[in-house]
Amino acid sequence: MTEQKRRGIYLLPNLLTTAGLFSGFFAIVSSMNGRFEAAAVAIFVAMIFDGLDGRVARMTNTQSEFGAEYDSMADMVSFGVAPALVAYNWGLTGLGKIGWLAAFIYVAGAALRLARFNTQIGIADTRYFQGLASPAAAALVAGLIWVGVEYDINGQDYGIIVALITGIAGLLMVSNFKYNSFKELNLHGKVPFVALLLIMLIFVVVATEPALVLFVVFALYALAGPINTFRTVDKVRLEHVVGDAEEHNEECSSVEDKKTEDK
């Protein structure tokens, strides 16, 4: 008689996922109480936990289907619902229907982005993300709010700008724009000593003005997607922006292969 496989879940990676989920929920509650800086920071904290849970699962060989599904659900709260509600409470309530529609576009974009990502695991090019990743989109919105609070800007006075950035972030998530995933970085290999100095310099710069620096970094990253996509195609068509994902990926791959051959 064969021994039945032991049921249960892995504690450590799911504990980190729960911490990220809690951070997203905390951001929502904080925005409801008018504590928008705490809400924005909580979203960035959720990003840290989101980056750790998958890495820890791979390092400890504790990956599971349950963990993958739980992580996706937590991401929907932390990077889908939370940024939209924080943005709505901070700068969109005065716009009426336009405000909540902009927030909904973001939420829908995050849901579609996560669903598309889950269906492409194992077949997509790991060097790139198709569409802006939901944590990066959340960082863009949260960074905007954090900058506004830091410089005593009333979000309701700039509701249109908040709506535009929130809506555009949602649309970028469901676009076909290519974003570097940085998954090819070798964190185990040796680097020159000057690299350590550059990392220290980056920490110093971020520490001086964390809100502004993080917002600028993620805004530039959001812009890099369209630039990266248009640079890799000979003639821009609708499917390069939205549409059939497989057709878009095949064409981009063929163009990149051609450029490699030309070199």
Protein backbone atom coordinates (compact mmCIF):
# COMPACT_ATOMS: atom_id res chain seq x y z
CA MET A 1 0.00 0.00 0.00
CA THR A 2 1.54 3.28 -1.13
CA GLU A 3 1.83 6.09 1.36
CA GLN A 4 -0.53 8.94 0.60
CA LYS A 5 1.10 12.22 -0.30
CA ARG A 6 1.07 14.59 2.65
CA ARG A 7 -1.40 17.43 2.22
CA GLY A 8 -0.67 21.01 3.20
CA ILE A 9 0.93 24.23 2.01
CA TYR A 10 4.43 25.64 2.23
CA LEU A 11 4.58 28.18 5.03
CA LEU A 12 7.42 30.60 4.17
CA PRO A 13 6.52 31.71 0.61
CA ASN A 14 2.81 31.90 1.44
CA LEU A 15 3.62 33.88 4.57
CA LEU A 16 5.40 36.45 2.40
CA THR A 17 2.45 36.49 0.00
CA THR A 18 0.13 37.12 2.96
CA ALA A 19 2.35 40.00 4.08
CA GLY A 20 2.01 41.54 0.61
CA LEU A 21 -1.75 41.03 0.71
CA PHE A 22 -1.89 42.69 4.13
CA SER A 23 0.11 45.66 2.79
CA GLY A 24 -2.38 46.13 -0.04
CA PHE A 25 -5.33 45.93 2.34
CA PHE A 26 -3.58 48.34 4.72
CA ALA A 27 -3.17 50.79 1.81
CA ILE A 28 -6.92 50.73 1.16
CA VAL A 29 -7.81 51.28 4.80
CA SER A 30 -5.22 54.07 5.16
CA SER A 31 -6.62 55.93 2.14
CA MET A 32 -10.12 55.69 3.60
CA ASN A 33 -8.76 57.40 6.72
CA GLY A 34 -6.99 60.10 4.70
CA ARG A 35 -3.47 58.75 5.36
CA PHE A 36 -2.37 58.78 1.74
CA GLU A 37 1.37 58.75 2.34
CA ALA A 38 1.07 55.58 4.43
CA ALA A 39 -1.14 54.10 1.72
CA ALA A 40 1.38 54.82 -1.04
CA VAL A 41 4.29 53.44 1.01
CA ALA A 42 2.27 50.30 1.80
CA ILE A 43 1.92 49.59 -1.92
CA PHE A 44 5.68 49.80 -2.35
CA VAL A 45 6.10 47.48 0.64
CA ALA A 46 3.72 45.04 -1.06
CA MET A 47 6.04 45.14 -4.09
CA ILE A 48 8.96 44.05 -1.92
CA PHE A 49 7.04 41.08 -0.51
CA ASP A 50 5.81 40.18 -4.01
CA GLY A 51 9.40 40.06 -5.23
CA LEU A 52 10.49 37.96 -2.27
CA ASP A 53 7.82 35.25 -2.21
CA GLY A 54 8.57 33.85 -5.65
CA ARG A 55 12.33 34.07 -5.12
CA VAL A 56 12.13 32.34 -1.75
CA ALA A 57 9.90 29.61 -3.21
CA ARG A 58 12.45 28.90 -5.94
CA MET A 59 15.43 29.02 -3.58
CA THR A 60 13.80 26.63 -1.09
CA ASN A 61 12.15 24.49 -3.78
CA THR A 62 8.71 25.14 -2.31
CA GLN A 63 6.82 26.14 -5.45
CA SER A 64 3.24 24.92 -5.68
CA GLU A 65 0.09 25.49 -7.70
CA PHE A 66 -1.61 26.77 -4.57
CA GLY A 67 1.17 29.31 -4.04
CA ALA A 68 0.95 30.52 -7.63
CA GLU A 69 -2.83 30.98 -7.42
CA TYR A 70 -2.62 32.65 -4.00
CA ASP A 71 0.08 35.01 -5.25
CA SER A 72 -2.09 36.01 -8.21
CA MET A 73 -5.08 36.72 -5.93
CA ALA A 74 -2.90 38.78 -3.59
CA ASP A 75 -1.48 40.73 -6.54
CA MET A 76 -5.00 41.60 -7.65
CA VAL A 77 -5.66 43.21 -4.28
CA SER A 78 -2.27 44.86 -3.76
CA PHE A 79 -1.59 46.02 -7.32
CA GLY A 80 -5.09 46.12 -8.79
CA VAL A 81 -7.72 47.21 -6.30
CA ALA A 82 -5.52 49.06 -3.78
CA PRO A 83 -3.84 51.57 -6.17
CA ALA A 84 -7.17 52.32 -7.86
CA LEU A 85 -8.99 52.99 -4.57
CA VAL A 86 -6.11 55.02 -3.13
CA ALA A 87 -6.01 57.14 -6.31
CA TYR A 88 -9.80 57.52 -6.22
CA ASN A 89 -9.86 58.64 -2.59
CA TRP A 90 -6.93 61.02 -3.13
CA GLY A 91 -7.77 62.78 -6.36
CA LEU A 92 -10.73 61.32 -8.27
CA THR A 93 -13.80 61.72 -6.07
CA GLY A 94 -14.38 65.26 -7.32
CA LEU A 95 -14.64 64.11 -10.96
CA GLY A 96 -17.81 62.09 -10.43
CA LYS A 97 -18.30 59.34 -13.03
CA ILE A 98 -15.04 60.17 -14.80
CA GLY A 99 -13.16 59.56 -11.56
CA TRP A 100 -14.53 56.14 -10.76
CA LEU A 101 -14.38 55.10 -14.42
CA ALA A 102 -10.65 55.93 -14.50
CA ALA A 103 -10.20 53.86 -11.35
CA PHE A 104 -12.21 51.00 -12.86
CA ILE A 105 -10.12 51.04 -16.04
CA TYR A 106 -7.08 50.50 -13.86
CA VAL A 107 -8.72 47.65 -11.91
CA ALA A 108 -9.93 45.94 -15.10
CA GLY A 109 -6.51 46.37 -16.69
CA ALA A 110 -4.82 44.75 -13.71
CA ALA A 111 -7.26 41.80 -13.73
CA LEU A 112 -6.78 41.21 -17.46
CA ARG A 113 -3.01 41.60 -17.16
CA LEU A 114 -2.78 38.99 -14.40
CA ALA A 115 -5.09 36.60 -16.25
CA ARG A 116 -3.04 36.91 -19.44
CA PHE A 117 0.21 36.44 -17.53
CA ASN A 118 -1.08 33.25 -15.88
CA THR A 119 -2.09 31.74 -19.23
CA GLN A 120 1.34 32.45 -20.76
CA ILE A 121 3.51 30.91 -18.04
CA GLY A 122 6.03 28.59 -19.66
CA ILE A 123 5.45 29.79 -23.23
CA ALA A 124 6.17 33.53 -23.11
CA ASP A 125 9.60 35.05 -23.68
CA THR A 126 10.98 35.50 -20.16
CA ARG A 127 13.19 38.38 -21.27
CA TYR A 128 10.16 40.63 -21.68
CA PHE A 129 6.79 41.37 -20.14
CA GLN A 130 3.87 41.76 -22.52
CA GLY A 131 2.26 44.91 -21.20
CA LEU A 132 3.23 46.85 -18.12
CA ALA A 133 3.51 44.52 -15.12
CA SER A 134 0.90 45.20 -12.43
CA PRO A 135 3.48 45.97 -9.67
CA ALA A 136 5.12 48.58 -11.93
CA ALA A 137 1.73 50.11 -12.76
CA ALA A 138 0.88 50.20 -9.05
CA ALA A 139 4.24 51.87 -8.33
CA LEU A 140 3.49 54.53 -10.97
CA VAL A 141 0.14 55.41 -9.38
CA ALA A 142 1.41 55.13 -5.80
CA GLY A 143 4.49 57.19 -6.67
CA LEU A 144 2.28 59.97 -8.05
CA ILE A 145 0.24 60.04 -4.84
CA TRP A 146 3.35 59.93 -2.64
CA VAL A 147 4.88 62.86 -4.54
CA GLY A 148 1.64 64.81 -4.21
CA VAL A 149 1.50 64.30 -0.46
CA GLU A 150 5.21 65.05 -0.09
CA TYR A 151 4.82 68.43 -1.82
CA ASP A 152 1.46 69.30 -0.17
CA ILE A 153 -0.50 68.96 -3.41
CA ASN A 154 -4.23 68.48 -3.12
CA GLY A 155 -5.09 65.62 -5.46
CA GLN A 156 -8.62 66.92 -5.99
CA ASP A 157 -7.18 70.07 -7.58
CA TYR A 158 -5.42 67.95 -10.21
CA GLY A 159 -8.06 65.27 -10.65
CA ILE A 160 -7.79 65.22 -14.44
CA ILE A 161 -4.06 64.49 -14.28
CA VAL A 162 -4.62 61.76 -11.68
CA ALA A 163 -7.38 60.25 -13.85
CA LEU A 164 -5.16 60.31 -16.95
CA ILE A 165 -2.19 58.64 -15.25
CA THR A 166 -4.40 56.07 -13.52
CA GLY A 167 -6.28 55.24 -16.74
CA ILE A 168 -3.12 55.13 -18.87
CA ALA A 169 -1.45 52.80 -16.35
CA GLY A 170 -4.45 50.48 -16.66
CA LEU A 171 -4.33 50.54 -20.46
CA LEU A 172 -0.57 49.94 -20.55
CA MET A 173 -1.10 46.73 -18.56
CA VAL A 174 -3.30 45.25 -21.32
CA SER A 175 -1.19 46.58 -24.18
CA ASN A 176 1.24 44.54 -26.28
CA PHE A 177 4.14 46.86 -25.47
CA LYS A 178 7.32 45.00 -24.54
CA TYR A 179 8.93 45.72 -21.18
CA ASN A 180 12.27 44.34 -20.06
CA SER A 181 11.74 41.83 -17.25
CA PHE A 182 15.38 41.98 -16.03
CA LYS A 183 15.12 38.25 -15.29
CA GLU A 184 18.39 37.63 -17.12
CA LEU A 185 20.41 39.53 -14.54
CA ASN A 186 22.96 37.21 -12.96
CA LEU A 187 22.84 37.92 -9.23
CA HIS A 188 25.18 35.04 -8.40
CA GLY A 189 28.14 36.03 -10.57
CA LYS A 190 31.00 38.36 -9.76
CA VAL A 191 30.82 42.07 -10.61
CA PRO A 192 33.45 44.85 -10.68
CA PHE A 193 34.02 46.75 -7.44
CA VAL A 194 32.65 49.92 -9.06
CA ALA A 195 29.24 48.19 -9.35
CA LEU A 196 28.98 48.14 -5.56
CA LEU A 197 29.74 51.86 -5.46
CA LEU A 198 27.02 52.51 -8.03
CA ILE A 199 24.52 50.52 -5.97
CA MET A 200 25.44 52.55 -2.88
CA LEU A 201 24.99 55.75 -4.90
CA ILE A 202 21.55 54.61 -6.03
CA PHE A 203 20.53 53.99 -2.41
CA VAL A 204 21.74 57.46 -1.44
CA VAL A 205 19.79 59.11 -4.28
CA VAL A 206 16.61 57.21 -3.42
CA ALA A 207 17.00 58.03 0.27
CA THR A 208 17.24 61.77 -0.41
CA GLU A 209 13.90 62.04 -2.24
CA PRO A 210 12.30 58.58 -2.24
CA ALA A 211 8.88 59.70 -3.48
CA LEU A 212 10.14 61.75 -6.42
CA VAL A 213 12.90 59.34 -7.42
CA LEU A 214 10.66 56.28 -7.38
CA PHE A 215 7.93 58.05 -9.33
CA VAL A 216 10.40 59.24 -12.00
CA VAL A 217 11.97 55.77 -12.27
CA PHE A 218 8.66 53.99 -12.79
CA ALA A 219 7.35 56.72 -15.11
CA LEU A 220 10.44 56.24 -17.31
CA TYR A 221 9.95 52.48 -17.17
CA ALA A 222 6.32 52.90 -18.28
CA LEU A 223 7.49 55.00 -21.23
CA ALA A 224 10.19 52.47 -22.10
CA GLY A 225 7.58 49.91 -23.20
CA PRO A 226 6.25 51.82 -26.23
CA ILE A 227 9.79 52.92 -27.13
CA ASN A 228 11.11 49.35 -26.87
CA THR A 229 8.24 48.03 -28.98
CA PHE A 230 8.47 50.61 -31.76
CA ARG A 231 12.22 50.10 -31.90
CA THR A 232 11.87 46.38 -32.63
CA VAL A 233 9.30 46.53 -35.44
CA ASP A 234 9.74 47.80 -38.96
CA LYS A 235 6.20 49.10 -39.36
CA VAL A 236 3.91 49.82 -36.42
CA ARG A 237 0.45 48.26 -36.70
CA LEU A 238 -2.53 47.96 -34.36
CA GLU A 239 -1.54 44.49 -33.13
CA HIS A 240 1.74 45.91 -31.85
CA VAL A 241 -0.29 48.02 -29.41
CA VAL A 242 -3.30 45.80 -28.67
CA GLY A 243 -4.81 42.67 -30.16
CA ASP A 244 -3.70 39.11 -30.76
CA ALA A 245 -0.83 38.36 -28.42
CA GLU A 246 0.52 35.34 -30.33
CA GLU A 247 0.67 37.16 -33.64
CA HIS A 248 2.41 40.10 -32.00
CA ASN A 249 4.99 37.95 -30.24
CA GLU A 250 5.78 35.95 -33.36
CA GLU A 251 6.36 39.08 -35.42
CA CYS A 252 8.54 40.73 -32.77
CA SER A 253 10.58 37.55 -32.44
CA SER A 254 11.09 37.30 -36.18
CA VAL A 255 12.21 40.93 -36.37
CA GLU A 256 14.66 40.43 -33.50
CA ASP A 257 16.04 37.27 -35.16
CA LYS A 258 16.53 39.18 -38.40
CA LYS A 259 18.39 41.96 -36.61
CA THR A 260 20.59 39.38 -34.89
CA GLU A 261 21.42 37.78 -38.25
CA ASP A 262 22.26 41.18 -39.75
CA LYS A 263 24.75 41.77 -36.94
